[in-house]
Amino acid sequence: MHEMSIAEGVIQVLEDQAREQQFSRVKTLWLEIGPLAMIEVEALRFCFDAVSRQTLAEGAKLEIIETPGQAWCMGCSQTVPVTQRYDACPQCGSYQLQVTSGDELRIKELEVV
């Protein structure tokens, strides 16, 4: 389950930023996650709850912002929606797609004290 290592990495980023920006507690954390990032959101929630205990993020509310997957189709020169990697273009059926969004995982916003 790579969600555990992702949650640990998020906590590390929060701790680093707390030192830099001088905050002591995270109240709310917004994560932006795309459908192509291959992250099971509920598993990430569980892991975040487990690894945040006894840290500055203990009890923090985890908000997930789901971003749509999009790709550029080289076959029909259109931006098209995608929900999985290696899907065919819904317009022309080509498999020559270049993902342009939806594979991200980033800390979008924090509410801190």
PDB file of N, CA and C in Angstrom:
ATOM      1  N   MET A   1       0.847  -1.170   0.000  1.00  0.00           N
ATOM      2  CA  MET A   1       0.000   0.000   0.000  1.00  0.00           C
ATOM      3  C   MET A   1       0.897   1.239   0.000  1.00  0.00           C
ATOM      4  N   HIS A   2       1.010   1.907  -1.126  1.00  0.00           N
ATOM      5  CA  HIS A   2       1.866   3.092  -1.203  1.00  0.00           C
ATOM      6  C   HIS A   2       1.212   4.326  -0.588  1.00  0.00           C
ATOM      7  N   GLU A   3      -0.061   4.241  -0.249  1.00  0.00           N
ATOM      8  CA  GLU A   3      -0.731   5.366   0.393  1.00  0.00           C
ATOM      9  C   GLU A   3      -0.103   5.700   1.743  1.00  0.00           C
ATOM     10  N   MET A   4       0.449   4.693   2.432  1.00  0.00           N
ATOM     11  CA  MET A   4       1.106   4.943   3.720  1.00  0.00           C
ATOM     12  C   MET A   4       2.340   5.822   3.519  1.00  0.00           C
ATOM     13  N   SER A   5       3.160   5.501   2.541  1.00  0.00           N
ATOM     14  CA  SER A   5       4.356   6.316   2.305  1.00  0.00           C
ATOM     15  C   SER A   5       3.976   7.710   1.802  1.00  0.00           C
ATOM     16  N   ILE A   6       2.892   7.823   1.072  1.00  0.00           N
ATOM     17  CA  ILE A   6       2.422   9.142   0.633  1.00  0.00           C
ATOM     18  C   ILE A   6       1.992   9.962   1.843  1.00  0.00           C
ATOM     19  N   ALA A   7       1.230   9.359   2.743  1.00  0.00           N
ATOM     20  CA  ALA A   7       0.789  10.063   3.956  1.00  0.00           C
ATOM     21  C   ALA A   7       1.992  10.486   4.798  1.00  0.00           C
ATOM     22  N   GLU A   8       2.988   9.619   4.926  1.00  0.00           N
ATOM     23  CA  GLU A   8       4.200   9.973   5.676  1.00  0.00           C
ATOM     24  C   GLU A   8       4.926  11.135   5.007  1.00  0.00           C
ATOM     25  N   GLY A   9       4.967  11.145   3.685  1.00  0.00           N
ATOM     26  CA  GLY A   9       5.596  12.243   2.954  1.00  0.00           C
ATOM     27  C   GLY A   9       4.861  13.558   3.148  1.00  0.00           C
ATOM     28  N   VAL A  10       3.545  13.504   3.183  1.00  0.00           N
ATOM     29  CA  VAL A  10       2.750  14.713   3.421  1.00  0.00           C
ATOM     30  C   VAL A  10       3.050  15.266   4.813  1.00  0.00           C
ATOM     31  N   ILE A  11       3.108  14.400   5.807  1.00  0.00           N
ATOM     32  CA  ILE A  11       3.432  14.843   7.176  1.00  0.00           C
ATOM     33  C   ILE A  11       4.820  15.480   7.202  1.00  0.00           C
ATOM     34  N   GLN A  12       5.769  14.901   6.500  1.00  0.00           N
ATOM     35  CA  GLN A  12       7.126  15.469   6.463  1.00  0.00           C
ATOM     36  C   GLN A  12       7.115  16.873   5.852  1.00  0.00           C
ATOM     37  N   VAL A  13       6.362  17.051   4.771  1.00  0.00           N
ATOM     38  CA  VAL A  13       6.252  18.370   4.143  1.00  0.00           C
ATOM     39  C   VAL A  13       5.627  19.360   5.121  1.00  0.00           C
ATOM     40  N   LEU A  14       4.583  18.929   5.831  1.00  0.00           N
ATOM     41  CA  LEU A  14       3.934  19.809   6.803  1.00  0.00           C
ATOM     42  C   LEU A  14       4.898  20.217   7.913  1.00  0.00           C
ATOM     43  N   GLU A  15       5.680  19.259   8.409  1.00  0.00           N
ATOM     44  CA  GLU A  15       6.644  19.572   9.464  1.00  0.00           C
ATOM     45  C   GLU A  15       7.724  20.530   8.969  1.00  0.00           C
ATOM     46  N   ASP A  16       8.194  20.324   7.756  1.00  0.00           N
ATOM     47  CA  ASP A  16       9.194  21.226   7.172  1.00  0.00           C
ATOM     48  C   ASP A  16       8.634  22.640   7.028  1.00  0.00           C
ATOM     49  N   GLN A  17       7.407  22.730   6.532  1.00  0.00           N
ATOM     50  CA  GLN A  17       6.792  24.041   6.354  1.00  0.00           C
ATOM     51  C   GLN A  17       6.478  24.715   7.686  1.00  0.00           C
ATOM     52  N   ALA A  18       6.142  23.925   8.700  1.00  0.00           N
ATOM     53  CA  ALA A  18       5.876  24.493  10.026  1.00  0.00           C
ATOM     54  C   ALA A  18       7.123  25.171  10.569  1.00  0.00           C
ATOM     55  N   ARG A  19       8.277  24.561  10.359  1.00  0.00           N
ATOM     56  CA  ARG A  19       9.535  25.186  10.801  1.00  0.00           C
ATOM     57  C   ARG A  19       9.809  26.469  10.023  1.00  0.00           C
ATOM     58  N   GLU A  20       9.616  26.424   8.722  1.00  0.00           N
ATOM     59  CA  GLU A  20       9.886  27.590   7.874  1.00  0.00           C
ATOM     60  C   GLU A  20       8.916  28.732   8.121  1.00  0.00           C
ATOM     61  N   GLN A  21       7.628  28.406   8.236  1.00  0.00           N
ATOM     62  CA  GLN A  21       6.597  29.435   8.299  1.00  0.00           C
ATOM     63  C   GLN A  21       6.071  29.677   9.715  1.00  0.00           C
ATOM     64  N   GLN A  22       6.624  28.963  10.666  1.00  0.00           N
ATOM     65  CA  GLN A  22       6.342  29.183  12.083  1.00  0.00           C
ATOM     66  C   GLN A  22       4.862  28.987  12.459  1.00  0.00           C
ATOM     67  N   PHE A  23       4.323  27.840  12.115  1.00  0.00           N
ATOM     68  CA  PHE A  23       3.009  27.476  12.627  1.00  0.00           C
ATOM     69  C   PHE A  23       3.167  26.208  13.446  1.00  0.00           C
ATOM     70  N   SER A  24       2.205  25.977  14.337  1.00  0.00           N
ATOM     71  CA  SER A  24       2.354  24.860  15.265  1.00  0.00           C
ATOM     72  C   SER A  24       1.329  23.751  15.083  1.00  0.00           C
ATOM     73  N   ARG A  25       0.280  24.034  14.320  1.00  0.00           N
ATOM     74  CA  ARG A  25      -0.761  23.031  14.170  1.00  0.00           C
ATOM     75  C   ARG A  25      -1.465  23.193  12.835  1.00  0.00           C
ATOM     76  N   VAL A  26      -1.814  22.071  12.230  1.00  0.00           N
ATOM     77  CA  VAL A  26      -2.597  22.067  10.990  1.00  0.00           C
ATOM     78  C   VAL A  26      -4.031  21.709  11.350  1.00  0.00           C
ATOM     79  N   LYS A  27      -4.958  22.593  10.986  1.00  0.00           N
ATOM     80  CA  LYS A  27      -6.373  22.330  11.257  1.00  0.00           C
ATOM     81  C   LYS A  27      -7.049  21.632  10.083  1.00  0.00           C
ATOM     82  N   THR A  28      -6.737  22.099   8.865  1.00  0.00           N
ATOM     83  CA  THR A  28      -7.333  21.523   7.661  1.00  0.00           C
ATOM     84  C   THR A  28      -6.266  21.454   6.578  1.00  0.00           C
ATOM     85  N   LEU A  29      -6.296  20.356   5.852  1.00  0.00           N
ATOM     86  CA  LEU A  29      -5.350  20.122   4.760  1.00  0.00           C
ATOM     87  C   LEU A  29      -6.153  19.768   3.519  1.00  0.00           C
ATOM     88  N   TRP A  30      -5.919  20.512   2.433  1.00  0.00           N
ATOM     89  CA  TRP A  30      -6.573  20.218   1.165  1.00  0.00           C
ATOM     90  C   TRP A  30      -5.549  19.584   0.237  1.00  0.00           C
ATOM     91  N   LEU A  31      -5.839  18.373  -0.207  1.00  0.00           N
ATOM     92  CA  LEU A  31      -4.987  17.682  -1.172  1.00  0.00           C
ATOM     93  C   LEU A  31      -5.707  17.615  -2.506  1.00  0.00           C
ATOM     94  N   GLU A  32      -4.979  17.945  -3.553  1.00  0.00           N
ATOM     95  CA  GLU A  32      -5.512  17.846  -4.907  1.00  0.00           C
ATOM     96  C   GLU A  32      -5.005  16.530  -5.494  1.00  0.00           C
ATOM     97  N   ILE A  33      -5.944  15.670  -5.886  1.00  0.00           N
ATOM     98  CA  ILE A  33      -5.587  14.342  -6.390  1.00  0.00           C
ATOM     99  C   ILE A  33      -6.338  14.084  -7.697  1.00  0.00           C
ATOM    100  N   GLY A  34      -5.595  13.680  -8.699  1.00  0.00           N
ATOM    101  CA  GLY A  34      -6.200  13.338  -9.983  1.00  0.00           C
ATOM    102  C   GLY A  34      -6.486  11.850 -10.067  1.00  0.00           C
ATOM    103  N   PRO A  35      -7.417  11.459 -10.933  1.00  0.00           N
ATOM    104  CA  PRO A  35      -7.780  10.049 -11.058  1.00  0.00           C
ATOM    105  C   PRO A  35      -6.659   9.188 -11.647  1.00  0.00           C
ATOM    106  N   LEU A  36      -5.691   9.806 -12.310  1.00  0.00           N
ATOM    107  CA  LEU A  36      -4.596   9.055 -12.905  1.00  0.00           C
ATOM    108  C   LEU A  36      -3.397   8.936 -11.971  1.00  0.00           C
ATOM    109  N   ALA A  37      -3.518   9.471 -10.752  1.00  0.00           N
ATOM    110  CA  ALA A  37      -2.423   9.403  -9.780  1.00  0.00           C
ATOM    111  C   ALA A  37      -2.320   8.021  -9.131  1.00  0.00           C
ATOM    112  N   MET A  38      -3.294   7.178  -9.394  1.00  0.00           N
ATOM    113  CA  MET A  38      -3.302   5.805  -8.881  1.00  0.00           C
ATOM    114  C   MET A  38      -3.257   5.771  -7.348  1.00  0.00           C
ATOM    115  N   ILE A  39      -4.092   6.603  -6.734  1.00  0.00           N
ATOM    116  CA  ILE A  39      -4.174   6.677  -5.276  1.00  0.00           C
ATOM    117  C   ILE A  39      -5.585   6.315  -4.853  1.00  0.00           C
ATOM    118  N   GLU A  40      -5.675   5.386  -3.923  1.00  0.00           N
ATOM    119  CA  GLU A  40      -6.959   5.016  -3.349  1.00  0.00           C
ATOM    120  C   GLU A  40      -7.248   6.015  -2.230  1.00  0.00           C
ATOM    121  N   VAL A  41      -8.226   6.887  -2.448  1.00  0.00           N
ATOM    122  CA  VAL A  41      -8.485   8.005  -1.542  1.00  0.00           C
ATOM    123  C   VAL A  41      -8.831   7.525  -0.129  1.00  0.00           C
ATOM    124  N   GLU A  42      -9.673   6.528  -0.004  1.00  0.00           N
ATOM    125  CA  GLU A  42     -10.050   6.059   1.336  1.00  0.00           C
ATOM    126  C   GLU A  42      -8.863   5.441   2.073  1.00  0.00           C
ATOM    127  N   ALA A  43      -8.004   4.749   1.350  1.00  0.00           N
ATOM    128  CA  ALA A  43      -6.787   4.201   1.967  1.00  0.00           C
ATOM    129  C   ALA A  43      -5.874   5.337   2.423  1.00  0.00           C
ATOM    130  N   LEU A  44      -5.785   6.395   1.616  1.00  0.00           N
ATOM    131  CA  LEU A  44      -4.970   7.549   1.999  1.00  0.00           C
ATOM    132  C   LEU A  44      -5.535   8.214   3.245  1.00  0.00           C
ATOM    133  N   ARG A  45      -6.843   8.347   3.330  1.00  0.00           N
ATOM    134  CA  ARG A  45      -7.467   8.928   4.534  1.00  0.00           C
ATOM    135  C   ARG A  45      -7.106   8.110   5.774  1.00  0.00           C
ATOM    136  N   PHE A  46      -7.228   6.792   5.651  1.00  0.00           N
ATOM    137  CA  PHE A  46      -6.907   5.905   6.771  1.00  0.00           C
ATOM    138  C   PHE A  46      -5.446   6.063   7.184  1.00  0.00           C
ATOM    139  N   CYS A  47      -4.561   6.054   6.207  1.00  0.00           N
ATOM    140  CA  CYS A  47      -3.127   6.166   6.483  1.00  0.00           C
ATOM    141  C   CYS A  47      -2.774   7.527   7.061  1.00  0.00           C
ATOM    142  N   PHE A  48      -3.386   8.591   6.548  1.00  0.00           N
ATOM    143  CA  PHE A  48      -3.128   9.933   7.072  1.00  0.00           C
ATOM    144  C   PHE A  48      -3.533  10.011   8.533  1.00  0.00           C
ATOM    145  N   ASP A  49      -4.680   9.438   8.856  1.00  0.00           N
ATOM    146  CA  ASP A  49      -5.135   9.431  10.251  1.00  0.00           C
ATOM    147  C   ASP A  49      -4.134   8.695  11.140  1.00  0.00           C
ATOM    148  N   ALA A  50      -3.606   7.590  10.649  1.00  0.00           N
ATOM    149  CA  ALA A  50      -2.652   6.796  11.432  1.00  0.00           C
ATOM    150  C   ALA A  50      -1.316   7.510  11.622  1.00  0.00           C
ATOM    151  N   VAL A  51      -0.758   8.081  10.566  1.00  0.00           N
ATOM    152  CA  VAL A  51       0.576   8.683  10.675  1.00  0.00           C
ATOM    153  C   VAL A  51       0.551  10.086  11.259  1.00  0.00           C
ATOM    154  N   SER A  52      -0.617  10.716  11.310  1.00  0.00           N
ATOM    155  CA  SER A  52      -0.679  12.080  11.859  1.00  0.00           C
ATOM    156  C   SER A  52      -0.787  12.101  13.377  1.00  0.00           C
ATOM    157  N   ARG A  53      -0.992  10.959  13.990  1.00  0.00           N
ATOM    158  CA  ARG A  53      -1.082  10.914  15.455  1.00  0.00           C
ATOM    159  C   ARG A  53       0.224  11.388  16.077  1.00  0.00           C
ATOM    160  N   GLN A  54       0.085  12.229  17.080  1.00  0.00           N
ATOM    161  CA  GLN A  54       1.213  12.804  17.814  1.00  0.00           C
ATOM    162  C   GLN A  54       2.105  13.662  16.914  1.00  0.00           C
ATOM    163  N   THR A  55       1.496  14.294  15.900  1.00  0.00           N
ATOM    164  CA  THR A  55       2.206  15.250  15.050  1.00  0.00           C
ATOM    165  C   THR A  55       1.403  16.550  15.045  1.00  0.00           C
ATOM    166  N   LEU A  56       1.911  17.553  14.375  1.00  0.00           N
ATOM    167  CA  LEU A  56       1.201  18.823  14.278  1.00  0.00           C
ATOM    168  C   LEU A  56      -0.092  18.712  13.476  1.00  0.00           C
ATOM    169  N   ALA A  57      -0.309  17.593  12.792  1.00  0.00           N
ATOM    170  CA  ALA A  57      -1.521  17.389  11.997  1.00  0.00           C
ATOM    171  C   ALA A  57      -2.526  16.458  12.670  1.00  0.00           C
ATOM    172  N   GLU A  58      -2.273  16.091  13.912  1.00  0.00           N
ATOM    173  CA  GLU A  58      -3.210  15.193  14.599  1.00  0.00           C
ATOM    174  C   GLU A  58      -4.580  15.860  14.687  1.00  0.00           C
ATOM    175  N   GLY A  59      -5.594  15.152  14.250  1.00  0.00           N
ATOM    176  CA  GLY A  59      -6.958  15.669  14.267  1.00  0.00           C
ATOM    177  C   GLY A  59      -7.290  16.610  13.119  1.00  0.00           C
ATOM    178  N   ALA A  60      -6.356  16.827  12.218  1.00  0.00           N
ATOM    179  CA  ALA A  60      -6.604  17.729  11.085  1.00  0.00           C
ATOM    180  C   ALA A  60      -7.655  17.137  10.160  1.00  0.00           C
ATOM    181  N   LYS A  61      -8.451  17.995   9.603  1.00  0.00           N
ATOM    182  CA  LYS A  61      -9.454  17.577   8.637  1.00  0.00           C
ATOM    183  C   LYS A  61      -8.771  17.455   7.275  1.00  0.00           C
ATOM    184  N   LEU A  62      -8.930  16.325   6.626  1.00  0.00           N
ATOM    185  CA  LEU A  62      -8.333  16.077   5.312  1.00  0.00           C
ATOM    186  C   LEU A  62      -9.404  16.239   4.250  1.00  0.00           C
ATOM    187  N   GLU A  63      -9.248  17.259   3.420  1.00  0.00           N
ATOM    188  CA  GLU A  63     -10.180  17.524   2.319  1.00  0.00           C
ATOM    189  C   GLU A  63      -9.517  17.089   1.016  1.00  0.00           C
ATOM    190  N   ILE A  64     -10.248  16.380   0.192  1.00  0.00           N
ATOM    191  CA  ILE A  64      -9.731  15.909  -1.088  1.00  0.00           C
ATOM    192  C   ILE A  64     -10.416  16.681  -2.213  1.00  0.00           C
ATOM    193  N   ILE A  65      -9.603  17.289  -3.059  1.00  0.00           N
ATOM    194  CA  ILE A  65     -10.105  17.971  -4.254  1.00  0.00           C
ATOM    195  C   ILE A  65      -9.763  17.057  -5.429  1.00  0.00           C
ATOM    196  N   GLU A  66     -10.785  16.521  -6.060  1.00  0.00           N
ATOM    197  CA  GLU A  66     -10.560  15.617  -7.183  1.00  0.00           C
ATOM    198  C   GLU A  66     -10.507  16.428  -8.477  1.00  0.00           C
ATOM    199  N   THR A  67      -9.419  16.285  -9.207  1.00  0.00           N
ATOM    200  CA  THR A  67      -9.254  16.991 -10.468  1.00  0.00           C
ATOM    201  C   THR A  67      -9.561  16.040 -11.622  1.00  0.00           C
ATOM    202  N   PRO A  68     -10.091  16.548 -12.718  1.00  0.00           N
ATOM    203  CA  PRO A  68     -10.415  15.666 -13.848  1.00  0.00           C
ATOM    204  C   PRO A  68      -9.169  15.259 -14.621  1.00  0.00           C
ATOM    205  N   GLY A  69      -9.223  14.093 -15.206  1.00  0.00           N
ATOM    206  CA  GLY A  69      -8.148  13.643 -16.075  1.00  0.00           C
ATOM    207  C   GLY A  69      -8.382  14.149 -17.498  1.00  0.00           C
ATOM    208  N   GLN A  70      -7.320  14.677 -18.100  1.00  0.00           N
ATOM    209  CA  GLN A  70      -7.414  15.142 -19.481  1.00  0.00           C
ATOM    210  C   GLN A  70      -6.150  14.738 -20.229  1.00  0.00           C
ATOM    211  N   ALA A  71      -6.307  14.600 -21.523  1.00  0.00           N
ATOM    212  CA  ALA A  71      -5.165  14.257 -22.368  1.00  0.00           C
ATOM    213  C   ALA A  71      -5.306  14.949 -23.714  1.00  0.00           C
ATOM    214  N   TRP A  72      -4.156  15.121 -24.373  1.00  0.00           N
ATOM    215  CA  TRP A  72      -4.119  15.651 -25.725  1.00  0.00           C
ATOM    216  C   TRP A  72      -4.017  14.459 -26.667  1.00  0.00           C
ATOM    217  N   CYS A  73      -4.958  14.367 -27.586  1.00  0.00           N
ATOM    218  CA  CYS A  73      -4.958  13.270 -28.555  1.00  0.00           C
ATOM    219  C   CYS A  73      -4.160  13.700 -29.773  1.00  0.00           C
ATOM    220  N   MET A  74      -3.125  12.938 -30.072  1.00  0.00           N
ATOM    221  CA  MET A  74      -2.307  13.242 -31.248  1.00  0.00           C
ATOM    222  C   MET A  74      -3.018  12.842 -32.538  1.00  0.00           C
ATOM    223  N   GLY A  75      -3.994  11.963 -32.419  1.00  0.00           N
ATOM    224  CA  GLY A  75      -4.728  11.515 -33.604  1.00  0.00           C
ATOM    225  C   GLY A  75      -5.713  12.540 -34.121  1.00  0.00           C
ATOM    226  N   CYS A  76      -6.469  13.164 -33.208  1.00  0.00           N
ATOM    227  CA  CYS A  76      -7.495  14.121 -33.657  1.00  0.00           C
ATOM    228  C   CYS A  76      -7.223  15.553 -33.192  1.00  0.00           C
ATOM    229  N   SER A  77      -6.085  15.748 -32.518  1.00  0.00           N
ATOM    230  CA  SER A  77      -5.677  17.089 -32.058  1.00  0.00           C
ATOM    231  C   SER A  77      -6.725  17.759 -31.173  1.00  0.00           C
ATOM    232  N   GLN A  78      -7.265  16.980 -30.262  1.00  0.00           N
ATOM    233  CA  GLN A  78      -8.272  17.487 -29.331  1.00  0.00           C
ATOM    234  C   GLN A  78      -7.846  17.198 -27.895  1.00  0.00           C
ATOM    235  N   THR A  79      -8.279  18.058 -26.968  1.00  0.00           N
ATOM    236  CA  THR A  79      -8.147  17.756 -25.545  1.00  0.00           C
ATOM    237  C   THR A  79      -9.370  16.946 -25.156  1.00  0.00           C
ATOM    238  N   VAL A  80      -9.143  15.764 -24.572  1.00  0.00           N
ATOM    239  CA  VAL A  80     -10.242  14.845 -24.272  1.00  0.00           C
ATOM    240  C   VAL A  80     -10.176  14.402 -22.813  1.00  0.00           C
ATOM    241  N   PRO A  81     -11.329  14.057 -22.224  1.00  0.00           N
ATOM    242  CA  PRO A  81     -11.328  13.541 -20.858  1.00  0.00           C
ATOM    243  C   PRO A  81     -10.840  12.089 -20.827  1.00  0.00           C
ATOM    244  N   VAL A  82     -10.090  11.741 -19.780  1.00  0.00           N
ATOM    245  CA  VAL A  82      -9.652  10.359 -19.570  1.00  0.00           C
ATOM    246  C   VAL A  82      -9.839  10.003 -18.104  1.00  0.00           C
ATOM    247  N   THR A  83     -10.174   8.763 -17.846  1.00  0.00           N
ATOM    248  CA  THR A  83     -10.353   8.311 -16.471  1.00  0.00           C
ATOM    249  C   THR A  83      -9.309   7.273 -16.064  1.00  0.00           C
ATOM    250  N   GLN A  84      -8.649   6.673 -17.059  1.00  0.00           N
ATOM    251  CA  GLN A  84      -7.612   5.683 -16.797  1.00  0.00           C
ATOM    252  C   GLN A  84      -6.502   5.860 -17.821  1.00  0.00           C
ATOM    253  N   ARG A  85      -5.301   5.496 -17.397  1.00  0.00           N
ATOM    254  CA  ARG A  85      -4.186   5.502 -18.352  1.00  0.00           C
ATOM    255  C   ARG A  85      -4.449   4.429 -19.410  1.00  0.00           C
ATOM    256  N   TYR A  86      -3.971   4.669 -20.581  1.00  0.00           N
ATOM    257  CA  TYR A  86      -4.047   3.738 -21.704  1.00  0.00           C
ATOM    258  C   TYR A  86      -5.462   3.558 -22.248  1.00  0.00           C
ATOM    259  N   ASP A  87      -6.375   4.472 -21.895  1.00  0.00           N
ATOM    260  CA  ASP A  87      -7.687   4.473 -22.535  1.00  0.00           C
ATOM    261  C   ASP A  87      -7.537   4.985 -23.961  1.00  0.00           C
ATOM    262  N   ALA A  88      -8.483   4.617 -24.784  1.00  0.00           N
ATOM    263  CA  ALA A  88      -8.532   5.151 -26.149  1.00  0.00           C
ATOM    264  C   ALA A  88      -9.189   6.529 -26.120  1.00  0.00           C
ATOM    265  N   CYS A  89      -8.890   7.324 -27.130  1.00  0.00           N
ATOM    266  CA  CYS A  89      -9.511   8.638 -27.270  1.00  0.00           C
ATOM    267  C   CYS A  89     -11.019   8.448 -27.475  1.00  0.00           C
ATOM    268  N   PRO A  90     -11.841   9.136 -26.690  1.00  0.00           N
ATOM    269  CA  PRO A  90     -13.286   8.994 -26.866  1.00  0.00           C
ATOM    270  C   PRO A  90     -13.792   9.634 -28.173  1.00  0.00           C
ATOM    271  N   GLN A  91     -12.961  10.468 -28.809  1.00  0.00           N
ATOM    272  CA  GLN A  91     -13.363  11.120 -30.064  1.00  0.00           C
ATOM    273  C   GLN A  91     -13.051  10.258 -31.289  1.00  0.00           C
ATOM    274  N   CYS A  92     -11.796   9.767 -31.348  1.00  0.00           N
ATOM    275  CA  CYS A  92     -11.368   9.082 -32.588  1.00  0.00           C
ATOM    276  C   CYS A  92     -10.889   7.643 -32.370  1.00  0.00           C
ATOM    277  N   GLY A  93     -10.741   7.212 -31.112  1.00  0.00           N
ATOM    278  CA  GLY A  93     -10.320   5.848 -30.847  1.00  0.00           C
ATOM    279  C   GLY A  93      -8.812   5.635 -30.822  1.00  0.00           C
ATOM    280  N   SER A  94      -8.034   6.683 -31.056  1.00  0.00           N
ATOM    281  CA  SER A  94      -6.576   6.580 -31.049  1.00  0.00           C
ATOM    282  C   SER A  94      -6.056   6.311 -29.638  1.00  0.00           C
ATOM    283  N   TYR A  95      -4.946   5.618 -29.558  1.00  0.00           N
ATOM    284  CA  TYR A  95      -4.293   5.384 -28.270  1.00  0.00           C
ATOM    285  C   TYR A  95      -3.089   6.308 -28.084  1.00  0.00           C
ATOM    286  N   GLN A  96      -2.921   7.268 -28.958  1.00  0.00           N
ATOM    287  CA  GLN A  96      -1.800   8.201 -28.868  1.00  0.00           C
ATOM    288  C   GLN A  96      -2.226   9.425 -28.058  1.00  0.00           C
ATOM    289  N   LEU A  97      -2.334   9.212 -26.744  1.00  0.00           N
ATOM    290  CA  LEU A  97      -2.769  10.269 -25.846  1.00  0.00           C
ATOM    291  C   LEU A  97      -1.616  10.713 -24.958  1.00  0.00           C
ATOM    292  N   GLN A  98      -1.488  12.016 -24.777  1.00  0.00           N
ATOM    293  CA  GLN A  98      -0.501  12.596 -23.867  1.00  0.00           C
ATOM    294  C   GLN A  98      -1.275  13.215 -22.708  1.00  0.00           C
ATOM    295  N   VAL A  99      -1.131  12.651 -21.516  1.00  0.00           N
ATOM    296  CA  VAL A  99      -1.839  13.150 -20.339  1.00  0.00           C
ATOM    297  C   VAL A  99      -1.402  14.580 -20.051  1.00  0.00           C
ATOM    298  N   THR A 100      -2.378  15.465 -19.856  1.00  0.00           N
ATOM    299  CA  THR A 100      -2.087  16.865 -19.545  1.00  0.00           C
ATOM    300  C   THR A 100      -2.531  17.255 -18.141  1.00  0.00           C
ATOM    301  N   SER A 101      -3.449  16.512 -17.553  1.00  0.00           N
ATOM    302  CA  SER A 101      -3.847  16.748 -16.159  1.00  0.00           C
ATOM    303  C   SER A 101      -4.555  15.508 -15.625  1.00  0.00           C
ATOM    304  N   GLY A 102      -4.588  15.440 -14.320  1.00  0.00           N
ATOM    305  CA  GLY A 102      -5.254  14.315 -13.676  1.00  0.00           C
ATOM    306  C   GLY A 102      -4.303  13.332 -13.032  1.00  0.00           C
ATOM    307  N   ASP A 103      -2.979  13.554 -13.173  1.00  0.00           N
ATOM    308  CA  ASP A 103      -2.013  12.650 -12.545  1.00  0.00           C
ATOM    309  C   ASP A 103      -1.327  13.315 -11.349  1.00  0.00           C
ATOM    310  N   GLU A 104      -1.877  14.425 -10.880  1.00  0.00           N
ATOM    311  CA  GLU A 104      -1.232  15.170  -9.817  1.00  0.00           C
ATOM    312  C   GLU A 104      -1.640  14.703  -8.414  1.00  0.00           C
ATOM    313  N   LEU A 105      -0.756  14.954  -7.501  1.00  0.00           N
ATOM    314  CA  LEU A 105      -0.996  14.835  -6.069  1.00  0.00           C
ATOM    315  C   LEU A 105      -0.237  15.993  -5.460  1.00  0.00           C
ATOM    316  N   ARG A 106      -0.968  16.965  -4.925  1.00  0.00           N
ATOM    317  CA  ARG A 106      -0.283  18.125  -4.352  1.00  0.00           C
ATOM    318  C   ARG A 106      -1.070  18.693  -3.181  1.00  0.00           C
ATOM    319  N   ILE A 107      -0.334  19.303  -2.288  1.00  0.00           N
ATOM    320  CA  ILE A 107      -0.947  20.028  -1.192  1.00  0.00           C
ATOM    321  C   ILE A 107      -1.431  21.350  -1.777  1.00  0.00           C
ATOM    322  N   LYS A 108      -2.712  21.541  -1.779  1.00  0.00           N
ATOM    323  CA  LYS A 108      -3.294  22.724  -2.398  1.00  0.00           C
ATOM    324  C   LYS A 108      -3.406  23.884  -1.417  1.00  0.00           C
ATOM    325  N   GLU A 109      -3.793  23.563  -0.162  1.00  0.00           N
ATOM    326  CA  GLU A 109      -4.031  24.630   0.803  1.00  0.00           C
ATOM    327  C   GLU A 109      -3.938  24.068   2.212  1.00  0.00           C
ATOM    328  N   LEU A 110      -3.593  24.936   3.153  1.00  0.00           N
ATOM    329  CA  LEU A 110      -3.525  24.566   4.568  1.00  0.00           C
ATOM    330  C   LEU A 110      -4.257  25.604   5.395  1.00  0.00           C
ATOM    331  N   GLU A 111      -4.917  25.159   6.445  1.00  0.00           N
ATOM    332  CA  GLU A 111      -5.414  26.045   7.480  1.00  0.00           C
ATOM    333  C   GLU A 111      -4.609  25.704   8.720  1.00  0.00           C
ATOM    334  N   VAL A 112      -3.858  26.665   9.216  1.00  0.00           N
ATOM    335  CA  VAL A 112      -2.914  26.410  10.299  1.00  0.00           C
ATOM    336  C   VAL A 112      -3.115  27.389  11.445  1.00  0.00           C
ATOM    337  N   VAL A 113      -2.529  27.051  12.567  1.00  0.00           N
ATOM    338  CA  VAL A 113      -2.532  27.912  13.756  1.00  0.00           C
ATOM    339  C   VAL A 113      -1.095  28.145  14.157  1.00  0.00           C
TER     340      VAL A 113
END
